[in-house]
Protein backbone atom coordinates (compact mmCIF):
# COMPACT_ATOMS: atom_id res chain seq x y z
CA UNK A 1 -30.25 23.37 -18.56
CA UNK A 2 -26.77 24.55 -16.85
CA UNK A 3 -28.08 23.11 -13.50
CA UNK A 4 -28.52 19.73 -15.63
CA UNK A 5 -25.32 19.83 -17.02
CA UNK A 6 -23.90 20.64 -13.60
CA UNK A 7 -25.42 18.21 -11.82
CA UNK A 8 -24.36 15.43 -14.56
CA UNK A 9 -21.14 16.51 -14.70
CA UNK A 10 -20.37 16.45 -10.49
CA UNK A 11 -22.01 12.45 -10.96
CA UNK A 12 -19.47 11.49 -13.53
CA UNK A 13 -16.69 13.26 -11.90
CA UNK A 14 -13.88 10.21 -11.56
CA UNK A 15 -13.95 9.42 -8.07
CA UNK A 16 -10.24 10.01 -7.42
CA UNK A 17 -10.99 13.60 -8.47
CA UNK A 18 -11.34 15.47 -5.31
CA UNK A 19 -7.77 15.75 -3.59
CA UNK A 20 -5.67 15.33 -6.35
CA UNK A 21 -4.86 11.65 -5.48
CA UNK A 22 -1.65 10.23 -7.28
CA UNK A 23 -2.34 6.53 -8.39
CA UNK A 24 0.92 4.00 -8.44
CA UNK A 25 3.12 6.25 -6.49
CA UNK A 26 5.70 4.30 -4.58
CA UNK A 27 4.86 4.97 -0.76
CA UNK A 28 7.26 4.33 2.72
CA UNK A 29 5.47 3.67 5.29
CA UNK A 30 5.68 6.07 8.35
CA UNK A 31 6.57 3.80 10.94
CA UNK A 32 6.69 0.04 12.27
CA UNK A 33 4.31 -0.23 14.98
CA UNK A 34 4.81 -4.19 15.23
CA UNK A 35 7.44 -6.56 15.94
CA UNK A 36 7.61 -10.19 17.39
CA UNK A 37 10.92 -11.05 15.61
CA UNK A 38 13.28 -8.89 18.02
CA UNK A 39 16.55 -6.93 16.67
CA UNK A 40 19.71 -8.28 16.32
CA UNK A 41 21.38 -5.83 14.53
CA UNK A 42 20.30 -2.49 12.61
CA UNK A 43 17.16 -1.33 13.43
CA UNK A 44 13.27 -1.48 12.30
CA UNK A 45 13.93 1.96 11.06
CA UNK A 46 16.53 1.25 8.25
CA UNK A 47 13.22 -0.46 6.64
CA UNK A 48 11.59 2.99 5.67
CA UNK A 49 14.32 5.43 5.27
CA UNK A 50 15.58 4.55 1.90
CA UNK A 51 19.35 3.50 4.12
CA UNK A 52 21.23 1.31 1.70
CA UNK A 53 19.29 1.83 -1.77
CA UNK A 54 21.58 2.27 -5.04
CA UNK A 55 18.73 4.83 -5.96
CA UNK A 56 16.18 7.11 -3.84
CA UNK A 57 12.34 7.76 -4.87
CA UNK A 58 10.09 10.49 -3.50
CA UNK A 59 7.45 8.80 -1.35
CA UNK A 60 4.22 8.88 -1.93
CA UNK A 61 5.38 10.93 -5.40
CA UNK A 62 7.78 8.78 -7.35
CA UNK A 63 5.73 6.47 -10.21
CA UNK A 64 6.40 2.97 -8.75
CA UNK A 65 6.36 1.19 -11.94
CA UNK A 66 9.04 3.52 -13.49
CA UNK A 67 10.94 3.05 -10.04
CA UNK A 68 11.70 -0.52 -9.98
CA UNK A 69 11.88 -0.96 -13.56
CA UNK A 70 15.67 0.89 -12.72
CA UNK A 71 16.15 -2.61 -10.71
CA UNK A 72 17.37 -0.72 -7.69
CA UNK A 73 19.78 -2.53 -5.57
CA UNK A 74 20.24 -2.15 -1.64
CA UNK A 75 23.78 -2.65 -0.24
CA UNK A 76 25.14 -5.57 1.55
CA UNK A 77 23.17 -5.30 4.96
CA UNK A 78 24.76 -3.50 7.70
CA UNK A 79 23.65 -2.26 10.77
CA UNK A 80 23.31 1.54 9.65
CA UNK A 81 20.98 0.41 6.41
CA UNK A 82 19.01 -2.26 7.44
CA UNK A 83 17.72 -4.79 10.01
CA UNK A 84 18.04 -8.34 11.11
CA UNK A 85 15.67 -10.53 13.56
CA UNK A 86 16.94 -11.65 16.84
CA UNK A 87 19.71 -14.60 16.68
CA UNK A 88 17.52 -18.12 15.99
CA UNK A 89 14.23 -15.97 15.09
CA UNK A 90 13.23 -16.99 11.55
CA UNK A 91 9.34 -16.30 11.98
CA UNK A 92 7.25 -13.63 13.46
CA UNK A 93 5.84 -10.34 11.63
CA UNK A 94 6.38 -7.06 11.64
CA UNK A 95 3.55 -4.56 11.32
CA UNK A 96 3.79 -1.45 8.87
CA UNK A 97 1.81 1.93 9.43
CA UNK A 98 1.73 3.47 5.97
CA UNK A 99 -0.09 6.76 7.84
CA UNK A 100 -3.27 6.55 6.21
CA UNK A 101 -5.54 4.45 4.03
CA UNK A 102 -4.65 3.33 0.82
CA UNK A 103 -5.19 1.17 -2.38
CA UNK A 104 -2.41 -1.08 -2.42
CA UNK A 105 -1.57 -3.07 -5.93
CA UNK A 106 2.06 -3.90 -5.11
CA UNK A 107 4.48 -4.69 -2.32
CA UNK A 108 8.01 -4.39 -2.83
CA UNK A 109 10.85 -5.71 -1.10
CA UNK A 110 14.67 -5.49 -0.83
CA UNK A 111 16.07 -8.67 1.36
CA UNK A 112 19.36 -9.97 1.11
CA UNK A 113 21.57 -12.48 -0.98
CA UNK A 114 22.46 -14.74 2.03
CA UNK A 115 20.58 -17.53 3.47
CA UNK A 116 18.93 -15.28 6.06
CA UNK A 117 16.81 -13.94 3.03
CA UNK A 118 13.49 -14.38 3.35
CA UNK A 119 12.05 -17.49 1.60
CA UNK A 120 8.39 -17.64 2.68
CA UNK A 121 6.34 -14.91 4.06
CA UNK A 122 2.30 -14.10 4.05
CA UNK A 123 0.91 -10.65 3.78
CA UNK A 124 -2.42 -9.09 5.43
CA UNK A 125 -3.70 -5.16 5.58
CA UNK A 126 -6.56 -3.84 8.46
CA UNK A 127 -7.62 -0.50 9.28
CA UNK A 128 -6.26 -0.69 12.84
CA UNK A 129 -3.35 -1.46 13.95
CA UNK A 130 -4.80 -4.15 16.64
CA UNK A 131 -5.68 -5.93 13.02
CA UNK A 132 -9.20 -6.41 14.36
CA UNK A 133 -11.41 -3.78 11.66
CA UNK A 134 -11.21 -4.02 7.65
CA UNK A 135 -9.01 -7.53 7.86
CA UNK A 136 -7.80 -9.22 4.60
CA UNK A 137 -5.34 -12.29 3.88
CA UNK A 138 -3.41 -11.21 0.80
CA UNK A 139 -2.19 -14.54 0.47
CA UNK A 140 1.90 -16.35 0.90
CA UNK A 141 4.72 -15.54 -1.38
CA UNK A 142 7.96 -16.79 -1.96
CA UNK A 143 10.68 -14.46 -2.25
CA UNK A 144 14.56 -14.92 -3.46
CA UNK A 145 18.56 -14.42 -2.40
CA UNK A 146 18.84 -11.01 -4.18
CA UNK A 147 19.63 -7.91 -3.44
CA UNK A 148 17.57 -6.11 -6.66
CA UNK A 149 14.08 -4.84 -5.68
CA UNK A 150 11.10 -8.21 -5.35
CA UNK A 151 7.77 -7.24 -6.36
CA UNK A 152 4.61 -8.74 -5.36
CA UNK A 153 1.30 -7.97 -6.75
CA UNK A 154 -1.53 -7.52 -4.03
CA UNK A 155 -4.96 -6.11 -3.68
CA UNK A 156 -6.18 -4.75 -0.89
CA UNK A 157 -7.39 -1.33 0.90
CA UNK A 158 -6.06 -0.78 4.64
CA UNK A 159 -3.78 1.44 5.99
CA UNK A 160 -1.93 -1.11 8.49
CA UNK A 161 -0.19 -3.70 6.87
CA UNK A 162 1.25 -7.25 8.44
CA UNK A 163 4.44 -9.24 6.98
CA UNK A 164 4.17 -12.52 8.05
CA UNK A 165 7.80 -13.96 7.57
CA UNK A 166 7.46 -17.97 7.50
CA UNK A 167 10.94 -19.29 6.86
CA UNK A 168 14.32 -18.38 5.57
CA UNK A 169 16.49 -19.84 3.23
CA UNK A 170 18.68 -21.67 5.94
CA UNK A 171 19.90 -18.76 7.93
CA UNK A 172 19.13 -18.40 11.57
CA UNK A 173 18.00 -14.85 11.50
CA UNK A 174 15.86 -12.66 8.96
CA UNK A 175 17.49 -10.00 7.00
CA UNK A 176 15.56 -7.21 5.32
CA UNK A 177 16.86 -3.67 4.00
CA UNK A 178 13.77 -2.05 2.61
CA UNK A 179 10.04 -2.42 1.99
CA UNK A 180 7.47 -0.16 0.15
CA UNK A 181 4.37 -0.36 -1.27
CA UNK A 182 2.63 0.74 -4.83
CA UNK A 183 -0.20 2.66 -3.52
CA UNK A 184 -3.40 4.93 -4.72
CA UNK A 185 -5.04 6.97 -2.41
CA UNK A 186 -8.53 5.91 -1.43
CA UNK A 187 -11.24 9.12 -1.94
CA UNK A 188 -12.89 10.55 0.91
CA UNK A 189 -16.27 9.85 2.00
CA UNK A 190 -17.32 13.45 1.01
CA UNK A 191 -16.15 12.81 -2.58
CA UNK A 192 -18.49 9.85 -2.38
CA UNK A 193 -21.49 11.75 -1.09
CA UNK A 194 -21.05 13.91 -3.94
CA UNK A 195 -21.15 11.50 -6.35
CA UNK A 196 -24.01 10.19 -4.87
CA UNK A 197 -25.87 13.54 -4.87
CA UNK A 198 -24.99 14.20 -8.83
CA UNK A 199 -26.42 10.48 -9.53
CA UNK A 200 -29.75 11.24 -7.30
CA UNK A 201 -30.32 14.43 -9.15
CA UNK A 202 -29.71 12.70 -12.50
CA UNK A 203 -32.06 10.30 -11.35
CA UNK A 204 -35.11 12.87 -10.59
CA UNK A 205 -34.09 14.75 -13.64
CA UNK A 206 -34.84 11.33 -15.74
CA UNK A 207 -38.52 10.76 -13.22
CA UNK A 208 -41.32 11.27 -15.83
CA UNK A 209 -43.21 14.98 -14.14
CA UNK A 210 -46.51 14.48 -13.30
CA UNK A 211 -48.58 16.28 -16.20
CA UNK A 212 -50.94 19.36 -15.26
CA UNK A 213 -54.46 18.99 -15.81
CA UNK A 214 -54.80 21.09 -19.49
CA UNK A 215 -51.16 20.42 -19.92
CA UNK A 216 -50.46 18.24 -23.95
CA UNK A 217 -48.79 15.26 -23.11
């Protein structure tokens, strides 16, 4: 009976129960691995280092919803706290590596309150930086000229995120202060294997047993 109870417990274990995943955390990418827009001011590293934000967060730990509810802002863009594309480059993409595979539920962006703010953009995800595996198009979105955080709901699983800038509000380059994501850790394959074993065991326990000759029904 104890074995039966153990197997049932393993089968109904929450999918994220192994590894202590923190669902709904705000995450900074670990690197910018692709850039077709060029750099005119600052550096792409400022997009993921929290420079210029009015309040910091702990990447991978701070609750996303709690943080954005405070309406954090980004200072006016300078070469020390943000990034601007090369002059006359107002369309192209930036690609971010999240450092691992995550379930992504929202995108947070701090652009600027000038004509170089992002107007139209698209998001896509993939499992590899070449965007050949597990590619998913998350849709097109419209930004606003503001220094306050903007959030956009998405639904995807991946490690790499591509931000395709389609247009600005008339500026001759693109200005971005910071980007981040609302993520939850995707369970490791071993977790699924354990859950599968538990379910299989339950099915075996519920399977009718063959009666021995002479045994009561």
